[in-house]
Amino acid sequence: DRGRRGSFVAYAAVFLLAPYTFCSGVLALKLGGQRGGAAAAGLIDTAGYLGATLAGSGVGRLADAFGWGWAFAALAAVAGLTLAVAAVY
């Protein structure tokens, strides 16, 4: 059902936008303060874009070597680690 798939895409967008906004906006201001907030936001975005660029080949190599199950498990582990770091911070 097309409408159902569209709603799942909308849910994914809603639940991904909040963490991204937190990281690039609020966290940048906390780390950089009023004077360095823009620079901190730029550096955080740069790290995210660099990671996204390298992730394609990295996940592809992992999937080729061990299968997609391992690739998704590795991505889940990275997401869990990120959640733990964010919770501690």
N, C-alpha and C. Protein backbone atom coordinates (compact mmCIF):
# COMPACT_ATOMS: atom_id res chain seq x y z
N ASP A 1 0.85 -1.19 0.00
CA ASP A 1 0.00 0.00 0.00
C ASP A 1 0.89 1.24 0.00
N ARG A 2 0.69 2.09 -0.98
CA ARG A 2 1.55 3.26 -1.15
C ARG A 2 1.43 4.26 -0.02
N GLY A 3 0.23 4.51 0.44
CA GLY A 3 0.04 5.48 1.52
C GLY A 3 0.71 5.05 2.81
N ARG A 4 0.69 3.76 3.05
CA ARG A 4 1.32 3.24 4.25
C ARG A 4 2.84 3.42 4.22
N ARG A 5 3.44 3.15 3.07
CA ARG A 5 4.89 3.35 2.93
C ARG A 5 5.26 4.81 3.10
N GLY A 6 4.43 5.69 2.56
CA GLY A 6 4.69 7.12 2.69
C GLY A 6 4.65 7.57 4.14
N SER A 7 3.76 6.98 4.93
CA SER A 7 3.69 7.37 6.33
C SER A 7 4.92 6.87 7.09
N PHE A 8 5.46 5.70 6.70
CA PHE A 8 6.68 5.24 7.35
C PHE A 8 7.86 6.15 7.02
N VAL A 9 7.91 6.65 5.82
CA VAL A 9 8.95 7.60 5.46
C VAL A 9 8.79 8.87 6.28
N ALA A 10 7.57 9.31 6.47
CA ALA A 10 7.33 10.51 7.28
C ALA A 10 7.76 10.29 8.73
N TYR A 11 7.44 9.11 9.27
CA TYR A 11 7.87 8.81 10.65
C TYR A 11 9.39 8.80 10.76
N ALA A 12 10.05 8.20 9.79
CA ALA A 12 11.51 8.17 9.81
C ALA A 12 12.08 9.58 9.76
N ALA A 13 11.48 10.43 8.94
CA ALA A 13 11.95 11.81 8.84
C ALA A 13 11.76 12.55 10.16
N VAL A 14 10.62 12.37 10.79
CA VAL A 14 10.35 13.06 12.06
C VAL A 14 11.32 12.61 13.13
N PHE A 15 11.55 11.30 13.23
CA PHE A 15 12.40 10.79 14.30
C PHE A 15 13.90 10.96 14.01
N LEU A 16 14.27 11.25 12.77
CA LEU A 16 15.66 11.52 12.47
C LEU A 16 15.99 13.00 12.52
N LEU A 17 15.01 13.84 12.29
CA LEU A 17 15.26 15.28 12.26
C LEU A 17 15.58 15.83 13.65
N ALA A 18 14.89 15.34 14.66
CA ALA A 18 15.13 15.85 16.01
C ALA A 18 16.56 15.59 16.50
N PRO A 19 17.08 14.36 16.40
CA PRO A 19 18.47 14.15 16.82
C PRO A 19 19.48 14.95 16.00
N TYR A 20 19.22 15.06 14.70
CA TYR A 20 20.13 15.83 13.86
C TYR A 20 20.12 17.30 14.26
N THR A 21 18.94 17.84 14.50
CA THR A 21 18.83 19.24 14.90
C THR A 21 19.50 19.46 16.25
N PHE A 22 19.33 18.50 17.15
CA PHE A 22 19.98 18.61 18.45
C PHE A 22 21.49 18.67 18.29
N CYS A 23 22.02 17.78 17.48
CA CYS A 23 23.47 17.70 17.33
C CYS A 23 24.02 18.93 16.64
N SER A 24 23.40 19.34 15.55
CA SER A 24 23.99 20.44 14.80
C SER A 24 23.64 21.81 15.36
N GLY A 25 22.58 21.92 16.11
CA GLY A 25 22.17 23.22 16.63
C GLY A 25 22.51 23.42 18.09
N VAL A 26 21.83 22.69 18.94
CA VAL A 26 21.96 22.88 20.38
C VAL A 26 23.36 22.52 20.86
N LEU A 27 23.83 21.38 20.42
CA LEU A 27 25.16 20.94 20.87
C LEU A 27 26.25 21.89 20.38
N ALA A 28 26.10 22.40 19.18
CA ALA A 28 27.09 23.34 18.65
C ALA A 28 27.13 24.61 19.48
N LEU A 29 25.98 25.10 19.89
CA LEU A 29 25.96 26.29 20.72
C LEU A 29 26.54 26.02 22.10
N LYS A 30 26.28 24.83 22.63
CA LYS A 30 26.83 24.49 23.95
C LYS A 30 28.35 24.37 23.90
N LEU A 31 28.86 23.76 22.83
CA LEU A 31 30.31 23.58 22.72
C LEU A 31 31.02 24.86 22.32
N GLY A 32 30.42 25.60 21.39
CA GLY A 32 31.10 26.77 20.85
C GLY A 32 30.74 28.08 21.52
N GLY A 33 29.64 28.10 22.26
CA GLY A 33 29.22 29.35 22.89
C GLY A 33 28.70 30.34 21.86
N GLN A 34 28.50 31.56 22.29
CA GLN A 34 27.96 32.58 21.38
C GLN A 34 28.95 32.94 20.28
N ARG A 35 30.21 32.95 20.57
CA ARG A 35 31.20 33.36 19.57
C ARG A 35 31.59 32.24 18.62
N GLY A 36 31.67 31.02 19.11
CA GLY A 36 32.14 29.91 18.28
C GLY A 36 31.06 28.94 17.85
N GLY A 37 29.79 29.29 18.08
CA GLY A 37 28.70 28.38 17.75
C GLY A 37 28.62 28.03 16.28
N ALA A 38 28.81 29.02 15.43
CA ALA A 38 28.73 28.78 13.98
C ALA A 38 29.88 27.89 13.52
N ALA A 39 31.06 28.11 14.05
CA ALA A 39 32.20 27.27 13.69
C ALA A 39 31.99 25.84 14.18
N ALA A 40 31.47 25.70 15.40
CA ALA A 40 31.19 24.36 15.93
C ALA A 40 30.14 23.66 15.09
N ALA A 41 29.10 24.37 14.67
CA ALA A 41 28.06 23.78 13.82
C ALA A 41 28.65 23.34 12.49
N GLY A 42 29.52 24.15 11.93
CA GLY A 42 30.17 23.79 10.67
C GLY A 42 31.04 22.56 10.80
N LEU A 43 31.79 22.47 11.89
CA LEU A 43 32.64 21.30 12.10
C LEU A 43 31.82 20.04 12.33
N ILE A 44 30.73 20.16 13.09
CA ILE A 44 29.86 19.01 13.32
C ILE A 44 29.24 18.54 12.01
N ASP A 45 28.76 19.48 11.20
CA ASP A 45 28.18 19.11 9.91
C ASP A 45 29.22 18.49 8.99
N THR A 46 30.43 19.03 9.01
CA THR A 46 31.50 18.47 8.18
C THR A 46 31.80 17.03 8.57
N ALA A 47 31.87 16.78 9.87
CA ALA A 47 32.12 15.41 10.33
C ALA A 47 30.99 14.49 9.90
N GLY A 48 29.75 14.96 9.97
CA GLY A 48 28.61 14.15 9.55
C GLY A 48 28.63 13.85 8.07
N TYR A 49 28.93 14.85 7.25
CA TYR A 49 28.98 14.64 5.81
C TYR A 49 30.14 13.74 5.42
N LEU A 50 31.27 13.90 6.08
CA LEU A 50 32.41 13.03 5.80
C LEU A 50 32.09 11.58 6.17
N GLY A 51 31.45 11.40 7.32
CA GLY A 51 31.04 10.06 7.72
C GLY A 51 30.05 9.44 6.75
N ALA A 52 29.11 10.23 6.27
CA ALA A 52 28.12 9.73 5.31
C ALA A 52 28.79 9.36 3.99
N THR A 53 29.78 10.14 3.59
CA THR A 53 30.49 9.86 2.35
C THR A 53 31.27 8.55 2.46
N LEU A 54 31.93 8.35 3.56
CA LEU A 54 32.75 7.14 3.74
C LEU A 54 31.92 5.92 4.10
N ALA A 55 30.71 6.13 4.61
CA ALA A 55 29.89 5.01 5.07
C ALA A 55 29.49 4.09 3.93
N GLY A 56 29.25 4.64 2.76
CA GLY A 56 28.83 3.80 1.64
C GLY A 56 29.83 2.72 1.32
N SER A 57 31.07 3.08 1.18
CA SER A 57 32.08 2.08 0.87
C SER A 57 32.37 1.18 2.06
N GLY A 58 32.35 1.75 3.24
CA GLY A 58 32.62 0.94 4.44
C GLY A 58 31.55 -0.11 4.69
N VAL A 59 30.29 0.30 4.61
CA VAL A 59 29.20 -0.65 4.81
C VAL A 59 29.16 -1.65 3.66
N GLY A 60 29.44 -1.18 2.46
CA GLY A 60 29.48 -2.10 1.32
C GLY A 60 30.54 -3.17 1.47
N ARG A 61 31.71 -2.78 1.91
CA ARG A 61 32.79 -3.76 2.13
C ARG A 61 32.44 -4.73 3.24
N LEU A 62 31.84 -4.21 4.31
CA LEU A 62 31.42 -5.07 5.41
C LEU A 62 30.36 -6.06 4.96
N ALA A 63 29.40 -5.59 4.16
CA ALA A 63 28.36 -6.48 3.65
C ALA A 63 28.92 -7.51 2.68
N ASP A 64 29.88 -7.12 1.86
CA ASP A 64 30.50 -8.08 0.94
C ASP A 64 31.28 -9.15 1.69
N ALA A 65 31.96 -8.75 2.75
CA ALA A 65 32.81 -9.68 3.47
C ALA A 65 32.01 -10.60 4.40
N PHE A 66 31.01 -10.06 5.10
CA PHE A 66 30.32 -10.82 6.14
C PHE A 66 28.82 -10.98 5.93
N GLY A 67 28.25 -10.26 4.98
CA GLY A 67 26.81 -10.34 4.74
C GLY A 67 26.09 -9.14 5.34
N TRP A 68 24.85 -8.95 4.87
CA TRP A 68 24.09 -7.78 5.31
C TRP A 68 23.69 -7.86 6.77
N GLY A 69 23.55 -9.04 7.32
CA GLY A 69 23.22 -9.17 8.74
C GLY A 69 24.28 -8.53 9.62
N TRP A 70 25.54 -8.78 9.29
CA TRP A 70 26.64 -8.18 10.04
C TRP A 70 26.71 -6.67 9.82
N ALA A 71 26.42 -6.25 8.59
CA ALA A 71 26.46 -4.82 8.29
C ALA A 71 25.42 -4.08 9.12
N PHE A 72 24.19 -4.61 9.16
CA PHE A 72 23.15 -3.97 9.96
C PHE A 72 23.46 -4.05 11.45
N ALA A 73 24.05 -5.14 11.89
CA ALA A 73 24.44 -5.25 13.30
C ALA A 73 25.50 -4.22 13.66
N ALA A 74 26.44 -3.99 12.75
CA ALA A 74 27.47 -2.97 13.00
C ALA A 74 26.86 -1.58 13.06
N LEU A 75 25.92 -1.30 12.14
CA LEU A 75 25.25 0.00 12.18
C LEU A 75 24.44 0.17 13.46
N ALA A 76 23.79 -0.90 13.91
CA ALA A 76 23.03 -0.84 15.17
C ALA A 76 23.97 -0.60 16.35
N ALA A 77 25.14 -1.22 16.32
CA ALA A 77 26.11 -1.01 17.40
C ALA A 77 26.61 0.43 17.43
N VAL A 78 26.86 0.99 16.25
CA VAL A 78 27.29 2.40 16.20
C VAL A 78 26.18 3.31 16.71
N ALA A 79 24.94 3.01 16.34
CA ALA A 79 23.81 3.82 16.81
C ALA A 79 23.67 3.71 18.33
N GLY A 80 23.84 2.50 18.87
CA GLY A 80 23.77 2.31 20.32
C GLY A 80 24.89 3.04 21.05
N LEU A 81 26.08 2.99 20.50
CA LEU A 81 27.21 3.70 21.09
C LEU A 81 26.96 5.21 21.07
N THR A 82 26.43 5.70 19.96
CA THR A 82 26.12 7.12 19.86
C THR A 82 25.07 7.51 20.90
N LEU A 83 24.06 6.66 21.09
CA LEU A 83 23.03 6.93 22.08
C LEU A 83 23.62 6.97 23.48
N ALA A 84 24.52 6.05 23.78
CA ALA A 84 25.14 6.01 25.10
C ALA A 84 25.98 7.27 25.35
N VAL A 85 26.75 7.68 24.37
CA VAL A 85 27.56 8.88 24.52
C VAL A 85 26.68 10.11 24.70
N ALA A 86 25.60 10.19 23.91
CA ALA A 86 24.69 11.33 24.03
C ALA A 86 24.01 11.35 25.39
N ALA A 87 23.65 10.18 25.91
CA ALA A 87 23.00 10.11 27.22
C ALA A 87 23.96 10.54 28.33
N VAL A 88 25.21 10.14 28.24
CA VAL A 88 26.20 10.54 29.25
C VAL A 88 26.49 12.02 29.17
N TYR A 89 26.57 12.54 27.93
CA TYR A 89 26.85 13.96 27.77
C TYR A 89 25.70 14.80 28.28
